[in-house]
Amino acid sequence: MHREVFTFLLAFLLSVLAIEPLKRYQKRRRIGQYIREEGPDLHNYKTGTPTAAGIVFIPIALAVASIFAFRAEILIVVIAGILFGLIGLVDDISKIVKRNASGLSGKRKLALQLVSAAFIVFLIQLVNPHTHIEIPFLGKIGLGFAYYPISALIIAGMSNAVNLTDGVDGLAASVYIFSLAPMLALPVWQNGLIAPISGALAGFLWYNWFPASIFMGDTGSLSLGGIMAVIFALDGREGFLIFFGLMFLVEMFSVIIQVFSFKVFGRRVFKMSPIHHHFELSNWKESKIAFRFSLIAFIGAVFGLLSW
């Protein structure tokens, strides 16, 4: 536990120190986030806010984990974080160059995510060959060859889920911390990653809590989602994302439900999706959404601990 405390504090300090000059540089060069037109009008004032802080806190978290807790599994998570982070970085740069919020097309982004996820599944099989998924309270379910595409879909899906959650100040980072930090109560190898990632995100939250002065961008959110999924996929525990990734899954399925309902029935289930926008349009403050979603994420993680 001493190592985890140290790496958390080190990553936190480095993140706080490194994000400040990135923020100042973007302000000086007038580089910033472009807000989607289909998003809430409440967000229009955020246009121009510095972005892509993930280019700083992701490398910090992965470097600290690699130095103080290196093992083959952590190397694979580092590779996953880099691959998905690069996809996000290309998307962020594309938005800045185009001067709008479109970035990469959805199909192109998904294709890159699936290719990256498939490569990570291949690497996982080199370290821990298996074709099962463990479901909380139920045990292992053998899938045979079907395991490989299913695992790749889960990794790519979780990357998108965290990306969708990154919609109001402080939300994605705080939910992520409260989703994984409870695992520090378990004597597992994942703690070598979870502690520095939580610390780096806490440093990011120093600037991202409402009102945010910088956003993580797709560089951060896509990378974080990939990292989370791979942390569990390495042991065949993708099923535990039901609890440890609870709020991210809720966000993702709120979009799926909204699109399905509108296309099939011509009706919307939510005022806007992802679901955090529904509550925002129901007059919830951004800090209230971040706090309550994080609390639910923490409760989900506690159930995850009970089922471990």
Protein backbone atom coordinates (compact mmCIF):
# COMPACT_ATOMS: atom_id res chain seq x y z
CA MET A 1 0.00 0.00 0.00
CA HIS A 2 2.93 2.34 0.59
CA ARG A 3 3.84 2.07 -3.09
CA GLU A 4 0.28 2.91 -4.14
CA VAL A 5 0.16 5.98 -1.88
CA PHE A 6 3.50 7.17 -3.22
CA THR A 7 2.61 6.67 -6.90
CA PHE A 8 -0.77 8.35 -6.40
CA LEU A 9 0.85 11.43 -4.87
CA LEU A 10 3.67 11.52 -7.42
CA ALA A 11 1.29 11.28 -10.38
CA PHE A 12 -0.97 13.91 -8.81
CA LEU A 13 1.88 16.37 -8.33
CA LEU A 14 3.34 15.83 -11.80
CA SER A 15 -0.10 16.19 -13.38
CA VAL A 16 -0.83 19.48 -11.59
CA LEU A 17 2.57 20.87 -12.54
CA ALA A 18 2.46 19.75 -16.19
CA ILE A 19 -1.11 20.72 -17.09
CA GLU A 20 -0.68 24.38 -16.11
CA PRO A 21 1.89 25.22 -18.85
CA LEU A 22 -0.17 23.26 -21.42
CA LYS A 23 -3.20 25.34 -20.51
CA ARG A 24 -1.25 28.60 -20.73
CA TYR A 25 0.28 27.63 -24.07
CA GLN A 26 -3.13 26.92 -25.60
CA LYS A 27 -4.55 30.19 -24.30
CA ARG A 28 -1.58 32.08 -25.71
CA ARG A 29 -2.01 30.40 -29.11
CA ARG A 30 -5.82 30.62 -28.92
CA ILE A 31 -6.20 26.87 -29.21
CA GLY A 32 -9.28 25.39 -27.62
CA GLN A 33 -12.30 23.12 -27.64
CA TYR A 34 -15.09 23.48 -30.19
CA ILE A 35 -18.53 22.67 -28.80
CA ARG A 36 -20.86 20.38 -30.76
CA GLU A 37 -23.85 22.20 -32.24
CA GLU A 38 -26.18 19.38 -31.17
CA GLY A 39 -25.09 19.75 -27.55
CA PRO A 40 -26.87 21.84 -24.91
CA ASP A 41 -26.90 25.60 -25.49
CA LEU A 42 -25.67 25.85 -21.90
CA HIS A 43 -22.22 24.80 -23.14
CA ASN A 44 -21.68 27.52 -25.74
CA TYR A 45 -19.59 29.60 -23.34
CA LYS A 46 -17.04 26.76 -23.16
CA THR A 47 -15.92 27.26 -26.75
CA GLY A 48 -12.21 28.04 -26.78
CA THR A 49 -11.43 26.30 -23.47
CA PRO A 50 -8.01 24.58 -23.64
CA THR A 51 -8.29 20.87 -24.36
CA ALA A 52 -6.41 17.56 -24.87
CA ALA A 53 -4.99 17.51 -21.33
CA GLY A 54 -4.83 13.73 -21.80
CA ILE A 55 -1.63 14.29 -23.75
CA VAL A 56 -0.08 15.18 -20.39
CA PHE A 57 -1.75 13.15 -17.64
CA ILE A 58 -1.97 9.85 -19.55
CA PRO A 59 1.82 9.62 -20.19
CA ILE A 60 2.45 10.65 -16.57
CA ALA A 61 0.21 7.89 -15.19
CA LEU A 62 1.61 5.24 -17.52
CA ALA A 63 5.22 6.27 -16.90
CA VAL A 64 4.82 6.18 -13.11
CA ALA A 65 3.12 2.77 -13.31
CA SER A 66 5.87 1.42 -15.57
CA ILE A 67 8.67 2.64 -13.32
CA PHE A 68 7.29 1.52 -9.96
CA ALA A 69 5.16 -1.54 -10.84
CA PHE A 70 6.51 -2.92 -14.10
CA ARG A 71 5.36 -6.35 -15.29
CA ALA A 72 4.18 -7.84 -18.59
CA GLU A 73 0.51 -7.04 -17.88
CA ILE A 74 1.26 -3.40 -17.20
CA LEU A 75 3.25 -3.16 -20.42
CA ILE A 76 0.17 -4.30 -22.35
CA VAL A 77 -2.00 -1.73 -20.58
CA VAL A 78 0.59 0.94 -21.43
CA ILE A 79 0.46 -0.09 -25.09
CA ALA A 80 -3.35 0.06 -25.01
CA GLY A 81 -3.26 3.51 -23.40
CA ILE A 82 -0.88 4.77 -26.08
CA LEU A 83 -2.83 3.29 -29.01
CA PHE A 84 -6.22 4.63 -27.92
CA GLY A 85 -4.63 7.90 -26.83
CA LEU A 86 -3.16 8.35 -30.31
CA ILE A 87 -6.60 7.83 -31.87
CA GLY A 88 -7.95 10.49 -29.53
CA LEU A 89 -5.05 12.82 -30.28
CA VAL A 90 -5.68 12.58 -34.03
CA ASP A 91 -9.33 13.35 -33.34
CA ASP A 92 -8.48 16.35 -31.14
CA ILE A 93 -6.00 17.75 -33.67
CA SER A 94 -8.54 17.25 -36.44
CA LYS A 95 -11.08 19.33 -34.52
CA ILE A 96 -8.57 22.12 -33.97
CA VAL A 97 -7.46 22.14 -37.62
CA LYS A 98 -11.04 22.03 -38.95
CA ARG A 99 -12.14 24.61 -36.35
CA ASN A 100 -15.25 22.59 -35.49
CA ALA A 101 -16.27 19.72 -33.21
CA SER A 102 -16.59 17.05 -35.91
CA GLY A 103 -13.08 15.56 -35.78
CA LEU A 104 -12.69 12.04 -37.15
CA SER A 105 -15.79 10.44 -38.62
CA GLY A 106 -17.52 7.96 -36.33
CA LYS A 107 -16.84 5.04 -38.71
CA ARG A 108 -13.15 5.85 -39.03
CA LYS A 109 -12.72 6.27 -35.29
CA LEU A 110 -14.53 2.98 -34.56
CA ALA A 111 -12.44 1.14 -37.16
CA LEU A 112 -9.22 2.38 -35.56
CA GLN A 113 -10.49 1.39 -32.12
CA LEU A 114 -11.43 -2.12 -33.26
CA VAL A 115 -8.06 -2.67 -34.93
CA SER A 116 -6.27 -1.46 -31.80
CA ALA A 117 -8.48 -3.62 -29.57
CA ALA A 118 -7.85 -6.70 -31.72
CA PHE A 119 -4.09 -6.14 -31.43
CA ILE A 120 -4.37 -5.80 -27.65
CA VAL A 121 -6.39 -9.04 -27.42
CA PHE A 122 -3.58 -10.73 -29.36
CA LEU A 123 -0.99 -9.40 -26.88
CA ILE A 124 -3.12 -10.52 -23.93
CA GLN A 125 -3.17 -14.06 -25.30
CA LEU A 126 0.63 -14.07 -25.32
CA VAL A 127 0.75 -13.26 -21.60
CA ASN A 128 -2.35 -15.02 -20.29
CA PRO A 129 -3.96 -17.32 -22.90
CA HIS A 130 -7.66 -17.86 -22.21
CA THR A 131 -11.02 -17.96 -23.98
CA HIS A 132 -13.37 -17.36 -21.06
CA ILE A 133 -15.06 -14.38 -19.49
CA GLU A 134 -15.70 -14.39 -15.77
CA ILE A 135 -19.12 -13.05 -14.76
CA PRO A 136 -19.60 -11.70 -11.21
CA PHE A 137 -21.33 -14.20 -8.88
CA LEU A 138 -21.68 -16.71 -11.76
CA GLY A 139 -18.13 -17.79 -12.54
CA LYS A 140 -16.28 -18.44 -15.79
CA ILE A 141 -18.07 -18.88 -19.11
CA GLY A 142 -16.06 -20.49 -21.91
CA LEU A 143 -16.57 -18.84 -25.29
CA GLY A 144 -14.04 -20.60 -27.48
CA PHE A 145 -12.99 -18.69 -30.58
CA ALA A 146 -15.88 -16.23 -30.07
CA TYR A 147 -13.98 -14.83 -27.11
CA TYR A 148 -11.55 -12.91 -29.31
CA PRO A 149 -14.04 -10.67 -31.19
CA ILE A 150 -16.19 -10.28 -28.07
CA SER A 151 -13.24 -9.11 -25.99
CA ALA A 152 -12.15 -6.70 -28.74
CA LEU A 153 -15.69 -5.27 -28.90
CA ILE A 154 -15.74 -4.80 -25.13
CA ILE A 155 -12.41 -2.94 -25.18
CA ALA A 156 -13.47 -0.67 -28.05
CA GLY A 157 -16.90 -0.19 -26.47
CA MET A 158 -15.49 0.85 -23.11
CA SER A 159 -13.19 3.33 -24.84
CA ASN A 160 -16.28 4.91 -26.41
CA ALA A 161 -18.22 4.73 -23.15
CA VAL A 162 -15.69 6.87 -21.28
CA ASN A 163 -15.56 9.24 -24.27
CA LEU A 164 -19.36 9.67 -24.14
CA THR A 165 -19.22 10.35 -20.39
CA ASP A 166 -16.80 13.24 -20.89
CA GLY A 167 -19.55 15.81 -21.35
CA VAL A 168 -19.72 18.05 -18.28
CA ASP A 169 -17.01 19.50 -16.06
CA GLY A 170 -15.34 16.98 -13.78
CA LEU A 171 -17.64 14.10 -14.74
CA ALA A 172 -15.50 11.55 -16.59
CA ALA A 173 -12.44 11.97 -14.35
CA SER A 174 -14.32 11.77 -11.04
CA VAL A 175 -16.45 8.81 -12.16
CA TYR A 176 -13.28 7.04 -13.32
CA ILE A 177 -11.52 7.53 -9.99
CA PHE A 178 -14.52 6.32 -7.96
CA SER A 179 -15.00 3.37 -10.33
CA LEU A 180 -11.50 1.97 -9.91
CA ALA A 181 -10.02 3.36 -6.67
CA PRO A 182 -12.03 0.91 -4.49
CA MET A 183 -9.98 -1.90 -6.07
CA LEU A 184 -7.04 -0.65 -3.99
CA ALA A 185 -8.66 -2.61 -1.15
CA LEU A 186 -7.78 -5.83 -3.02
CA PRO A 187 -4.26 -7.33 -3.19
CA VAL A 188 -4.17 -7.36 -7.03
CA TRP A 189 -1.56 -6.38 -9.62
CA GLN A 190 -3.93 -3.81 -11.11
CA ASN A 191 -3.25 -1.50 -8.15
CA GLY A 192 0.14 -0.68 -9.66
CA LEU A 193 -1.84 1.07 -12.42
CA ILE A 194 -4.93 2.25 -10.61
CA ALA A 195 -3.02 4.33 -8.04
CA PRO A 196 -1.02 6.47 -10.52
CA ILE A 197 -3.96 6.79 -12.92
CA SER A 198 -6.18 7.98 -10.06
CA GLY A 199 -3.46 10.40 -8.96
CA ALA A 200 -2.97 11.82 -12.45
CA LEU A 201 -6.74 12.22 -12.84
CA ALA A 202 -6.97 13.95 -9.46
CA GLY A 203 -4.33 16.38 -10.73
CA PHE A 204 -6.39 16.91 -13.86
CA LEU A 205 -9.51 17.51 -11.75
CA TRP A 206 -7.60 20.37 -10.09
CA TYR A 207 -8.28 22.22 -13.36
CA ASN A 208 -11.32 20.36 -14.71
CA TRP A 209 -13.80 20.66 -11.82
CA PHE A 210 -16.57 23.17 -12.51
CA PRO A 211 -15.87 25.65 -13.97
CA ALA A 212 -13.28 23.75 -16.00
CA SER A 213 -10.24 25.62 -17.28
CA ILE A 214 -9.12 22.68 -19.46
CA PHE A 215 -10.71 19.51 -20.89
CA MET A 216 -9.15 16.05 -21.23
CA GLY A 217 -10.19 15.76 -24.88
CA ASP A 218 -10.54 12.49 -26.76
CA THR A 219 -6.82 11.98 -26.14
CA GLY A 220 -7.67 11.39 -22.50
CA SER A 221 -11.12 9.80 -22.65
CA LEU A 222 -10.46 7.21 -25.36
CA SER A 223 -7.22 6.21 -23.68
CA LEU A 224 -8.83 5.92 -20.23
CA GLY A 225 -11.62 3.73 -21.58
CA GLY A 226 -9.18 1.41 -23.30
CA ILE A 227 -7.02 1.20 -20.17
CA MET A 228 -10.01 0.35 -17.97
CA ALA A 229 -11.19 -2.46 -20.23
CA VAL A 230 -7.73 -3.97 -20.65
CA ILE A 231 -7.12 -3.95 -16.88
CA PHE A 232 -9.96 -6.49 -16.59
CA ALA A 233 -9.48 -8.26 -19.94
CA LEU A 234 -5.99 -9.37 -18.97
CA ASP A 235 -7.48 -11.75 -16.40
CA GLY A 236 -10.61 -12.62 -18.39
CA ARG A 237 -12.70 -10.51 -16.02
CA GLU A 238 -14.42 -8.30 -18.60
CA GLY A 239 -17.73 -9.19 -16.93
CA PHE A 240 -16.70 -7.19 -13.87
CA LEU A 241 -17.05 -4.00 -15.91
CA ILE A 242 -20.76 -4.36 -15.15
CA PHE A 243 -19.90 -3.07 -11.67
CA PHE A 244 -16.58 -1.27 -12.02
CA GLY A 245 -17.64 0.46 -15.23
CA LEU A 246 -21.27 0.91 -14.23
CA MET A 247 -21.77 4.62 -14.95
CA PHE A 248 -19.81 4.48 -18.18
CA LEU A 249 -22.07 1.67 -19.38
CA VAL A 250 -25.15 3.64 -18.31
CA GLU A 251 -23.94 6.59 -20.37
CA MET A 252 -23.25 4.43 -23.43
CA PHE A 253 -26.55 2.54 -23.29
CA SER A 254 -28.48 5.78 -22.81
CA VAL A 255 -27.24 6.79 -26.27
CA ILE A 256 -28.10 3.38 -27.75
CA ILE A 257 -31.60 3.49 -26.22
CA GLN A 258 -32.17 7.05 -27.40
CA VAL A 259 -31.14 6.31 -31.00
CA PHE A 260 -33.11 3.04 -31.12
CA SER A 261 -36.26 4.60 -29.69
CA PHE A 262 -36.16 7.56 -32.05
CA LYS A 263 -35.50 5.49 -35.18
CA VAL A 264 -38.06 2.78 -34.38
CA PHE A 265 -40.80 4.66 -32.51
CA GLY A 266 -40.05 8.27 -33.45
CA ARG A 267 -39.83 9.19 -29.76
CA ARG A 268 -37.01 10.20 -27.47
CA VAL A 269 -36.65 8.54 -24.08
CA PHE A 270 -34.39 11.27 -22.69
CA LYS A 271 -34.38 15.02 -23.17
CA MET A 272 -30.90 14.53 -24.61
CA SER A 273 -28.30 11.78 -24.56
CA PRO A 274 -25.86 10.80 -23.16
CA ILE A 275 -27.89 10.75 -19.97
CA HIS A 276 -25.85 13.43 -18.16
CA HIS A 277 -27.30 15.95 -20.64
CA HIS A 278 -30.81 14.79 -19.71
CA PHE A 279 -30.16 15.77 -16.10
CA GLU A 280 -28.41 18.95 -17.17
CA LEU A 281 -31.54 19.97 -19.09
CA SER A 282 -33.52 19.04 -15.97
CA ASN A 283 -31.68 21.90 -14.19
CA TRP A 284 -29.05 19.82 -12.42
CA LYS A 285 -25.81 21.73 -11.96
CA GLU A 286 -22.71 20.20 -13.53
CA SER A 287 -21.07 19.70 -10.14
CA LYS A 288 -24.22 17.94 -8.88
CA ILE A 289 -24.18 15.56 -11.86
CA ALA A 290 -20.49 14.79 -11.37
CA PHE A 291 -20.95 14.17 -7.64
CA ARG A 292 -24.02 11.93 -7.91
CA PHE A 293 -22.73 9.94 -10.88
CA SER A 294 -19.44 9.41 -9.02
CA LEU A 295 -21.33 8.24 -5.94
CA ILE A 296 -23.25 5.69 -8.02
CA ALA A 297 -19.97 4.60 -9.62
CA PHE A 298 -18.50 4.07 -6.15
CA ILE A 299 -21.50 1.98 -5.05
CA GLY A 300 -21.14 -0.11 -8.21
CA ALA A 301 -17.45 -0.65 -7.45
CA VAL A 302 -18.31 -1.81 -3.93
CA PHE A 303 -20.58 -4.49 -5.41
CA GLY A 304 -17.67 -5.35 -7.67
CA LEU A 305 -15.46 -5.89 -4.62
CA LEU A 306 -18.08 -8.16 -3.07
CA SER A 307 -18.23 -10.25 -6.22
CA TRP A 308 -14.47 -10.48 -6.72
